[in-house]
């Protein structure tokens, strides 16, 4: 069994988001999605790592 460490402590998996630059060009929805996802993951990491 191969065990790969996650970039974010407390999580087993990482998330890779692939998109075309053209998809984010007009309204920036991909950037907004990534920013919101980061915020949620930081919140969850704080809960998991809170003693």
Protein backbone atom coordinates (compact mmCIF):
# COMPACT_ATOMS: atom_id res chain seq x y z
CA UNK A 1 0.00 0.00 0.00
CA UNK A 2 1.30 3.43 -0.95
CA UNK A 3 0.47 6.26 1.45
CA UNK A 4 0.69 9.75 0.03
CA UNK A 5 0.56 12.74 2.36
CA UNK A 6 -1.94 15.49 1.66
CA UNK A 7 -0.77 19.08 1.26
CA UNK A 8 -3.26 20.20 3.91
CA UNK A 9 -2.72 18.53 7.30
CA UNK A 10 -5.73 16.60 8.56
CA UNK A 11 -6.96 15.62 5.12
CA UNK A 12 -6.36 12.35 3.31
CA UNK A 13 -6.76 13.71 -0.23
CA UNK A 14 -5.88 16.81 -2.22
CA UNK A 15 -8.08 18.51 -4.80
CA UNK A 16 -6.91 19.35 -8.30
CA UNK A 17 -9.01 21.82 -10.27
CA UNK A 18 -8.46 21.85 -14.01
CA UNK A 19 -10.05 24.47 -16.25
CA UNK A 20 -9.43 26.47 -19.38
CA UNK A 21 -8.33 30.06 -18.86
CA UNK A 22 -11.13 31.03 -21.23
CA UNK A 23 -13.69 29.60 -18.75
CA UNK A 24 -12.60 32.11 -16.08
CA UNK A 25 -12.04 35.10 -18.34
CA UNK A 26 -15.36 36.97 -18.22
CA UNK A 27 -16.91 36.51 -14.80
CA UNK A 28 -14.09 34.88 -12.83
CA UNK A 29 -16.30 32.05 -11.57
CA UNK A 30 -13.39 29.62 -11.29
CA UNK A 31 -11.38 32.05 -9.14
CA UNK A 32 -14.44 32.63 -6.94
CA UNK A 33 -15.00 28.88 -6.62
CA UNK A 34 -11.36 28.26 -5.65
CA UNK A 35 -11.38 31.12 -3.11
CA UNK A 36 -14.58 29.83 -1.49
CA UNK A 37 -13.27 26.26 -1.45
CA UNK A 38 -10.02 27.38 0.22
CA UNK A 39 -12.00 29.20 2.88
CA UNK A 40 -14.14 26.15 3.60
CA UNK A 41 -11.10 23.86 3.76
CA UNK A 42 -9.29 26.22 6.13
CA UNK A 43 -12.39 26.27 8.33
CA UNK A 44 -12.60 22.46 8.33
CA UNK A 45 -8.86 22.12 9.00
CA UNK A 46 -9.21 24.43 12.00
CA UNK A 47 -12.05 22.29 13.38
CA UNK A 48 -10.12 19.05 12.81
CA UNK A 49 -6.87 20.38 14.31
CA UNK A 50 -8.51 22.13 17.29
CA UNK A 51 -7.58 20.15 20.42
